[in-house]
Amino acid sequence: MTLEPWLRQRVSTAEVARLATVRPDGRPHLVPITFALEGDELVTVVDQKPKSTSRLQRLRNVEANPAVSILFDGYDEDWSRLWWARADGRARIVVSGPEHGAAVGALTRRYRQYRHDPPRGPALLVAIGRWTTWSSSGGQA
């Protein structure tokens, strides 16, 4: 799904997003993620920040059900500037190869924190099928 330029610009200003997946028992699971937009796909890679396990729930969820939602938002003390955008799509896990390398490269370019220690874990590549947006101004998110 082609992303409108105004929406790409807005989403690209978000430093973090929230990834929603569905647990095998049907309960939702939500985590903050770093991300990059690569064409019409969103990529995120598991990094080295401390985690309770290397077998992350989000990865198990995607293995069982690839349907995901990603929420981006912009908060401002001036509530006339509030906005959010949600991308609904299907995720797949990539652990090596050119697609993994491209995802790591995209995140390394976007986040200076990764330049000295690029993420090394599995990548989630999300093919976005639908965008939903809202802004307090009533115009483009």
Foldseek 3Di string as FASTA:
>chain_A
DADDPVVLVVQLVFQKKKKWFAAPVGDIDIDIFGWFDDGQKIKGFAADDDDPDLPDRVQNRLVVPQWMKIKTWDDDPPQQFTKMKMFIFGKDKDQDDDVQVVRQVRRVVSDVVCVVPTGRGIMIMTRTDDMDMDGSNRDGD
